[in-house]
Amino acid sequence: MACGQQIENGIVLHNERTAPDDPFSGNKIVGIMDDKDDFINSWDSFNFEKDRPNVDFEEGAIIFAHTTENSCAKDINQLEISDNRLLIDTDQESGPCDDIGYQRTFIIQLDKEKLENVKTVVFENEEFRFVEQ
């Protein structure tokens, strides 16, 4: 796996205040990419300032998790996989925070094997269901 913030069950490769080219970007978005072309297209549509990280798609998969935060930044603090469900939990800095809605996108790498049976991702208490294509 690539370098980044190591947490149990995965790595946060990147997080940035950015949003996709989408009129619904204020909503939470979760996407799973298991091939390079999908990853490149998604990365480009989110307007990241940094260069795209290298990912070994033979062994890994990428999750884009997009949310809104106030002026106190959020971080991923937990990735929990059980049965067919992945829980992505965030934590937010404390302090005096303004109520401005900033867009935040996390890029998380997990082993493909761990995601094989995942049908539901719960991100900040919201469920996203995935079906096989």
N, C-alpha and C. Protein backbone atom coordinates (compact mmCIF):
# COMPACT_ATOMS: atom_id res chain seq x y z
N MET A 1 0.83 -1.19 0.00
CA MET A 1 0.00 0.00 0.00
C MET A 1 0.87 1.25 0.00
N ALA A 2 0.29 2.35 -0.42
CA ALA A 2 1.01 3.61 -0.52
C ALA A 2 1.13 4.28 0.85
N CYS A 3 1.92 5.36 0.90
CA CYS A 3 2.09 6.12 2.14
C CYS A 3 0.87 6.99 2.40
N GLY A 4 0.61 7.26 3.66
CA GLY A 4 -0.51 8.10 4.05
C GLY A 4 -0.76 7.92 5.53
N GLN A 5 -1.91 8.38 6.00
CA GLN A 5 -2.29 8.23 7.40
C GLN A 5 -2.79 6.81 7.62
N GLN A 6 -1.99 5.99 8.28
CA GLN A 6 -2.35 4.60 8.53
C GLN A 6 -3.39 4.53 9.64
N ILE A 7 -4.51 3.86 9.36
CA ILE A 7 -5.50 3.57 10.39
C ILE A 7 -5.87 2.10 10.24
N GLU A 8 -6.45 1.53 11.26
CA GLU A 8 -6.80 0.12 11.20
C GLU A 8 -7.68 -0.15 9.99
N ASN A 9 -7.35 -1.15 9.21
CA ASN A 9 -8.06 -1.60 8.01
C ASN A 9 -7.81 -0.77 6.76
N GLY A 10 -6.95 0.25 6.81
CA GLY A 10 -6.71 1.02 5.60
C GLY A 10 -5.74 2.17 5.79
N ILE A 11 -5.64 2.97 4.74
CA ILE A 11 -4.77 4.15 4.74
C ILE A 11 -5.55 5.32 4.13
N VAL A 12 -5.52 6.45 4.81
CA VAL A 12 -6.06 7.68 4.22
C VAL A 12 -4.93 8.25 3.37
N LEU A 13 -5.03 8.07 2.05
CA LEU A 13 -3.98 8.52 1.14
C LEU A 13 -3.95 10.03 1.02
N HIS A 14 -5.13 10.64 1.09
CA HIS A 14 -5.21 12.08 0.87
C HIS A 14 -6.54 12.59 1.41
N ASN A 15 -6.54 13.83 1.90
CA ASN A 15 -7.80 14.51 2.19
C ASN A 15 -7.57 15.99 1.91
N GLU A 16 -8.61 16.61 1.38
CA GLU A 16 -8.46 17.98 0.92
C GLU A 16 -9.82 18.67 0.90
N ARG A 17 -9.79 19.97 1.10
CA ARG A 17 -11.02 20.76 0.94
C ARG A 17 -11.25 20.95 -0.55
N THR A 18 -12.04 20.06 -1.11
CA THR A 18 -12.35 20.11 -2.53
C THR A 18 -13.69 19.42 -2.76
N ALA A 19 -14.23 19.61 -3.94
CA ALA A 19 -15.54 19.04 -4.26
C ALA A 19 -15.55 18.61 -5.72
N PRO A 20 -16.44 17.70 -6.07
CA PRO A 20 -16.53 17.28 -7.47
C PRO A 20 -17.22 18.34 -8.33
N ASP A 21 -17.03 18.21 -9.64
CA ASP A 21 -17.75 19.06 -10.60
C ASP A 21 -19.18 18.54 -10.69
N ASP A 22 -19.99 18.88 -9.72
CA ASP A 22 -21.33 18.30 -9.63
C ASP A 22 -22.21 19.27 -8.86
N PRO A 23 -23.41 19.54 -9.35
CA PRO A 23 -24.29 20.47 -8.62
C PRO A 23 -24.73 19.94 -7.27
N PHE A 24 -24.57 18.64 -7.01
CA PHE A 24 -24.98 18.05 -5.74
C PHE A 24 -23.79 17.83 -4.81
N SER A 25 -22.68 18.53 -5.03
CA SER A 25 -21.47 18.28 -4.27
C SER A 25 -21.59 18.65 -2.80
N GLY A 26 -22.62 19.35 -2.38
CA GLY A 26 -22.83 19.64 -0.97
C GLY A 26 -23.33 18.43 -0.21
N ASN A 27 -23.78 17.40 -0.94
CA ASN A 27 -24.25 16.17 -0.31
C ASN A 27 -23.09 15.25 -0.02
N LYS A 28 -23.32 14.29 0.88
CA LYS A 28 -22.31 13.26 1.11
C LYS A 28 -22.26 12.36 -0.11
N ILE A 29 -21.05 11.95 -0.47
CA ILE A 29 -20.83 11.06 -1.60
C ILE A 29 -19.85 9.99 -1.17
N VAL A 30 -20.12 8.74 -1.52
CA VAL A 30 -19.17 7.65 -1.30
C VAL A 30 -19.08 6.87 -2.59
N GLY A 31 -17.85 6.63 -3.04
CA GLY A 31 -17.63 5.85 -4.25
C GLY A 31 -16.48 4.87 -4.03
N ILE A 32 -16.61 3.69 -4.61
CA ILE A 32 -15.56 2.68 -4.53
C ILE A 32 -15.00 2.47 -5.93
N MET A 33 -13.68 2.59 -6.06
CA MET A 33 -13.00 2.37 -7.33
C MET A 33 -12.04 1.20 -7.19
N ASP A 34 -12.15 0.25 -8.11
CA ASP A 34 -11.23 -0.89 -8.05
C ASP A 34 -10.43 -1.04 -9.33
N ASP A 35 -10.41 0.03 -10.16
CA ASP A 35 -9.53 0.01 -11.33
C ASP A 35 -9.00 1.42 -11.59
N LYS A 36 -7.89 1.47 -12.30
CA LYS A 36 -7.17 2.72 -12.50
C LYS A 36 -7.98 3.76 -13.27
N ASP A 37 -8.71 3.34 -14.31
CA ASP A 37 -9.47 4.31 -15.11
C ASP A 37 -10.54 5.02 -14.29
N ASP A 38 -11.29 4.26 -13.48
CA ASP A 38 -12.31 4.89 -12.62
C ASP A 38 -11.66 5.86 -11.64
N PHE A 39 -10.52 5.45 -11.09
CA PHE A 39 -9.81 6.29 -10.13
C PHE A 39 -9.35 7.59 -10.79
N ILE A 40 -8.76 7.50 -11.97
CA ILE A 40 -8.29 8.70 -12.68
C ILE A 40 -9.46 9.64 -12.97
N ASN A 41 -10.55 9.10 -13.49
CA ASN A 41 -11.72 9.94 -13.81
C ASN A 41 -12.30 10.60 -12.56
N SER A 42 -12.40 9.84 -11.47
CA SER A 42 -12.93 10.41 -10.23
C SER A 42 -11.99 11.47 -9.67
N TRP A 43 -10.69 11.17 -9.64
CA TRP A 43 -9.70 12.12 -9.13
C TRP A 43 -9.81 13.44 -9.90
N ASP A 44 -9.86 13.35 -11.22
CA ASP A 44 -9.92 14.56 -12.04
C ASP A 44 -11.21 15.35 -11.80
N SER A 45 -12.32 14.67 -11.56
CA SER A 45 -13.59 15.37 -11.37
C SER A 45 -13.68 16.07 -10.02
N PHE A 46 -12.79 15.72 -9.07
CA PHE A 46 -12.82 16.35 -7.75
C PHE A 46 -11.89 17.55 -7.63
N ASN A 47 -11.14 17.87 -8.68
CA ASN A 47 -10.31 19.08 -8.70
C ASN A 47 -9.26 19.14 -7.59
N PHE A 48 -8.61 18.03 -7.30
CA PHE A 48 -7.57 18.02 -6.27
C PHE A 48 -6.39 18.86 -6.72
N GLU A 49 -5.74 19.53 -5.76
CA GLU A 49 -4.56 20.33 -6.07
C GLU A 49 -3.31 19.47 -6.15
N LYS A 50 -3.23 18.41 -5.37
CA LYS A 50 -2.05 17.54 -5.37
C LYS A 50 -2.13 16.53 -6.51
N ASP A 51 -0.96 15.94 -6.81
CA ASP A 51 -0.91 14.89 -7.82
C ASP A 51 -1.58 13.62 -7.31
N ARG A 52 -2.16 12.89 -8.22
CA ARG A 52 -2.85 11.64 -7.89
C ARG A 52 -1.83 10.62 -7.36
N PRO A 53 -2.13 9.97 -6.23
CA PRO A 53 -1.21 8.96 -5.70
C PRO A 53 -1.24 7.70 -6.56
N ASN A 54 -0.13 6.97 -6.55
CA ASN A 54 -0.08 5.69 -7.26
C ASN A 54 -0.76 4.62 -6.41
N VAL A 55 -1.56 3.81 -7.05
CA VAL A 55 -2.30 2.76 -6.34
C VAL A 55 -2.11 1.45 -7.10
N ASP A 56 -1.82 0.39 -6.36
CA ASP A 56 -1.71 -0.95 -6.94
C ASP A 56 -3.11 -1.57 -6.92
N PHE A 57 -3.80 -1.54 -8.06
CA PHE A 57 -5.16 -2.04 -8.11
C PHE A 57 -5.23 -3.56 -8.19
N GLU A 58 -4.09 -4.23 -8.25
CA GLU A 58 -4.09 -5.70 -8.15
C GLU A 58 -4.48 -6.11 -6.74
N GLU A 59 -4.03 -5.32 -5.75
CA GLU A 59 -4.27 -5.66 -4.35
C GLU A 59 -5.18 -4.67 -3.63
N GLY A 60 -5.29 -3.44 -4.14
CA GLY A 60 -6.02 -2.42 -3.41
C GLY A 60 -7.22 -1.87 -4.15
N ALA A 61 -8.06 -1.18 -3.41
CA ALA A 61 -9.21 -0.45 -3.95
C ALA A 61 -9.24 0.90 -3.24
N ILE A 62 -9.93 1.85 -3.86
CA ILE A 62 -9.99 3.21 -3.34
C ILE A 62 -11.44 3.57 -3.01
N ILE A 63 -11.60 4.26 -1.90
CA ILE A 63 -12.90 4.82 -1.53
C ILE A 63 -12.76 6.33 -1.51
N PHE A 64 -13.66 7.01 -2.22
CA PHE A 64 -13.81 8.46 -2.13
C PHE A 64 -14.94 8.69 -1.14
N ALA A 65 -14.69 9.46 -0.09
CA ALA A 65 -15.73 9.80 0.89
C ALA A 65 -15.76 11.32 0.99
N HIS A 66 -16.87 11.90 0.56
CA HIS A 66 -17.00 13.36 0.46
C HIS A 66 -18.05 13.84 1.46
N THR A 67 -17.74 14.93 2.16
CA THR A 67 -18.64 15.46 3.17
C THR A 67 -18.51 16.97 3.25
N THR A 68 -19.19 17.55 4.21
CA THR A 68 -19.10 18.98 4.49
C THR A 68 -18.65 19.15 5.93
N GLU A 69 -17.83 20.17 6.17
CA GLU A 69 -17.37 20.47 7.53
C GLU A 69 -17.48 21.96 7.75
N ASN A 70 -17.37 22.37 9.02
CA ASN A 70 -17.29 23.80 9.29
C ASN A 70 -15.81 24.19 9.29
N SER A 71 -15.44 25.27 9.92
CA SER A 71 -14.04 25.71 9.87
C SER A 71 -13.09 24.82 10.66
N CYS A 72 -13.62 23.92 11.48
CA CYS A 72 -12.78 22.93 12.18
C CYS A 72 -12.72 21.67 11.32
N ALA A 73 -11.52 21.31 10.90
CA ALA A 73 -11.34 20.21 9.94
C ALA A 73 -11.72 18.85 10.52
N LYS A 74 -12.18 17.97 9.63
CA LYS A 74 -12.50 16.59 9.97
C LYS A 74 -11.35 15.68 9.54
N ASP A 75 -11.23 14.54 10.24
CA ASP A 75 -10.30 13.48 9.88
C ASP A 75 -11.02 12.15 10.01
N ILE A 76 -10.54 11.16 9.29
CA ILE A 76 -11.05 9.79 9.45
C ILE A 76 -10.40 9.22 10.70
N ASN A 77 -11.21 8.71 11.62
CA ASN A 77 -10.61 8.12 12.82
C ASN A 77 -10.90 6.63 12.94
N GLN A 78 -11.77 6.08 12.07
CA GLN A 78 -12.07 4.66 12.17
C GLN A 78 -12.58 4.11 10.85
N LEU A 79 -12.06 2.94 10.49
CA LEU A 79 -12.58 2.12 9.39
C LEU A 79 -12.85 0.76 10.00
N GLU A 80 -14.10 0.39 10.07
CA GLU A 80 -14.45 -0.89 10.68
C GLU A 80 -15.21 -1.73 9.65
N ILE A 81 -14.72 -2.94 9.43
CA ILE A 81 -15.36 -3.84 8.47
C ILE A 81 -15.92 -5.03 9.24
N SER A 82 -17.22 -5.26 9.06
CA SER A 82 -17.83 -6.44 9.67
C SER A 82 -18.91 -6.95 8.71
N ASP A 83 -18.87 -8.25 8.49
CA ASP A 83 -19.78 -8.90 7.55
C ASP A 83 -19.75 -8.19 6.20
N ASN A 84 -20.86 -7.61 5.80
CA ASN A 84 -20.93 -6.95 4.49
C ASN A 84 -21.06 -5.43 4.63
N ARG A 85 -20.48 -4.89 5.70
CA ARG A 85 -20.65 -3.47 6.02
C ARG A 85 -19.30 -2.82 6.37
N LEU A 86 -19.08 -1.63 5.84
CA LEU A 86 -17.89 -0.84 6.16
C LEU A 86 -18.36 0.44 6.84
N LEU A 87 -17.84 0.69 8.03
CA LEU A 87 -18.14 1.91 8.77
C LEU A 87 -16.96 2.86 8.64
N ILE A 88 -17.22 4.08 8.18
CA ILE A 88 -16.20 5.13 8.10
C ILE A 88 -16.64 6.22 9.06
N ASP A 89 -15.84 6.41 10.12
CA ASP A 89 -16.20 7.37 11.16
C ASP A 89 -15.21 8.53 11.12
N THR A 90 -15.72 9.74 11.29
CA THR A 90 -14.86 10.92 11.30
C THR A 90 -14.82 11.54 12.69
N ASP A 91 -13.81 12.35 12.89
CA ASP A 91 -13.63 13.11 14.11
C ASP A 91 -13.36 14.54 13.67
N GLN A 92 -13.74 15.50 14.49
CA GLN A 92 -13.55 16.90 14.11
C GLN A 92 -12.78 17.64 15.19
N GLU A 93 -11.89 18.54 14.74
CA GLU A 93 -11.14 19.38 15.68
C GLU A 93 -12.11 20.13 16.57
N SER A 94 -11.70 20.36 17.81
CA SER A 94 -12.55 21.16 18.69
C SER A 94 -12.05 22.59 18.69
N GLY A 95 -12.86 23.45 19.22
CA GLY A 95 -12.47 24.86 19.28
C GLY A 95 -13.59 25.72 18.77
N PRO A 96 -13.38 26.99 18.77
CA PRO A 96 -14.40 27.86 18.19
C PRO A 96 -14.41 27.68 16.67
N CYS A 97 -15.51 27.17 16.15
CA CYS A 97 -15.63 26.90 14.71
C CYS A 97 -16.76 27.73 14.14
N ASP A 98 -16.55 28.28 12.95
CA ASP A 98 -17.65 29.00 12.32
C ASP A 98 -18.55 28.00 11.61
N ASP A 99 -19.69 28.46 11.16
CA ASP A 99 -20.68 27.58 10.56
C ASP A 99 -20.60 27.51 9.04
N ILE A 100 -19.51 27.98 8.48
CA ILE A 100 -19.36 27.95 7.03
C ILE A 100 -19.24 26.50 6.58
N GLY A 101 -19.91 26.14 5.49
CA GLY A 101 -19.86 24.78 4.98
C GLY A 101 -18.74 24.59 3.97
N TYR A 102 -17.65 23.97 4.40
CA TYR A 102 -16.53 23.66 3.50
C TYR A 102 -16.67 22.22 3.01
N GLN A 103 -16.30 21.98 1.77
CA GLN A 103 -16.31 20.64 1.21
C GLN A 103 -15.02 19.92 1.60
N ARG A 104 -15.09 18.64 1.97
CA ARG A 104 -13.91 17.85 2.33
C ARG A 104 -14.05 16.48 1.67
N THR A 105 -12.99 16.03 1.00
CA THR A 105 -12.99 14.72 0.37
C THR A 105 -11.81 13.91 0.88
N PHE A 106 -12.09 12.68 1.29
CA PHE A 106 -11.08 11.74 1.76
C PHE A 106 -10.86 10.67 0.71
N ILE A 107 -9.60 10.31 0.48
CA ILE A 107 -9.24 9.21 -0.41
C ILE A 107 -8.65 8.12 0.47
N ILE A 108 -9.33 6.98 0.53
CA ILE A 108 -8.96 5.90 1.44
C ILE A 108 -8.62 4.66 0.62
N GLN A 109 -7.48 4.04 0.94
CA GLN A 109 -7.10 2.79 0.27
C GLN A 109 -7.28 1.63 1.23
N LEU A 110 -7.93 0.57 0.72
CA LEU A 110 -8.12 -0.66 1.47
C LEU A 110 -7.71 -1.83 0.60
N ASP A 111 -7.41 -2.96 1.24
CA ASP A 111 -7.14 -4.18 0.48
C ASP A 111 -8.42 -4.60 -0.22
N LYS A 112 -8.30 -4.99 -1.49
CA LYS A 112 -9.47 -5.45 -2.25
C LYS A 112 -10.16 -6.60 -1.55
N GLU A 113 -9.35 -7.48 -0.98
CA GLU A 113 -9.89 -8.65 -0.30
C GLU A 113 -10.85 -8.26 0.83
N LYS A 114 -10.53 -7.19 1.55
CA LYS A 114 -11.37 -6.75 2.65
C LYS A 114 -12.70 -6.17 2.17
N LEU A 115 -12.73 -5.68 0.93
CA LEU A 115 -13.95 -5.06 0.38
C LEU A 115 -14.82 -6.03 -0.41
N GLU A 116 -14.34 -7.26 -0.62
CA GLU A 116 -15.06 -8.20 -1.48
C GLU A 116 -16.53 -8.36 -1.14
N ASN A 117 -16.86 -8.45 0.13
CA ASN A 117 -18.24 -8.72 0.54
C ASN A 117 -19.00 -7.48 1.01
N VAL A 118 -18.36 -6.31 0.94
CA VAL A 118 -19.02 -5.09 1.43
C VAL A 118 -20.15 -4.69 0.48
N LYS A 119 -21.34 -4.58 1.02
CA LYS A 119 -22.52 -4.16 0.26
C LYS A 119 -23.02 -2.78 0.71
N THR A 120 -22.63 -2.40 1.94
CA THR A 120 -23.08 -1.13 2.51
C THR A 120 -21.89 -0.41 3.15
N VAL A 121 -21.79 0.89 2.86
CA VAL A 121 -20.81 1.74 3.53
C VAL A 121 -21.60 2.74 4.36
N VAL A 122 -21.26 2.84 5.64
CA VAL A 122 -21.88 3.83 6.51
C VAL A 122 -20.83 4.91 6.75
N PHE A 123 -21.12 6.11 6.25
CA PHE A 123 -20.20 7.24 6.36
C PHE A 123 -20.93 8.36 7.09
N GLU A 124 -20.41 8.72 8.27
CA GLU A 124 -21.02 9.75 9.11
C GLU A 124 -22.52 9.47 9.30
N ASN A 125 -22.83 8.24 9.67
CA ASN A 125 -24.19 7.78 9.98
C ASN A 125 -25.14 7.74 8.79
N GLU A 126 -24.64 7.87 7.58
CA GLU A 126 -25.48 7.77 6.39
C GLU A 126 -25.08 6.52 5.61
N GLU A 127 -26.09 5.72 5.21
CA GLU A 127 -25.82 4.47 4.50
C GLU A 127 -25.77 4.66 3.00
N PHE A 128 -24.77 4.01 2.39
CA PHE A 128 -24.62 3.98 0.94
C PHE A 128 -24.56 2.51 0.55
N ARG A 129 -25.48 2.07 -0.30
CA ARG A 129 -25.53 0.66 -0.71
C ARG A 129 -24.88 0.51 -2.08
N PHE A 130 -24.14 -0.59 -2.22
CA PHE A 130 -23.45 -0.87 -3.48
C PHE A 130 -23.91 -2.21 -4.00
N VAL A 131 -24.12 -2.27 -5.30
CA VAL A 131 -24.52 -3.52 -5.94
C VAL A 131 -23.43 -3.91 -6.93
N GLU A 132 -23.27 -5.21 -7.14
CA GLU A 132 -22.29 -5.68 -8.10
C GLU A 132 -22.76 -5.37 -9.51
N GLN A 133 -21.80 -5.01 -10.36
CA GLN A 133 -22.14 -4.68 -11.75
C GLN A 133 -21.65 -5.76 -12.67
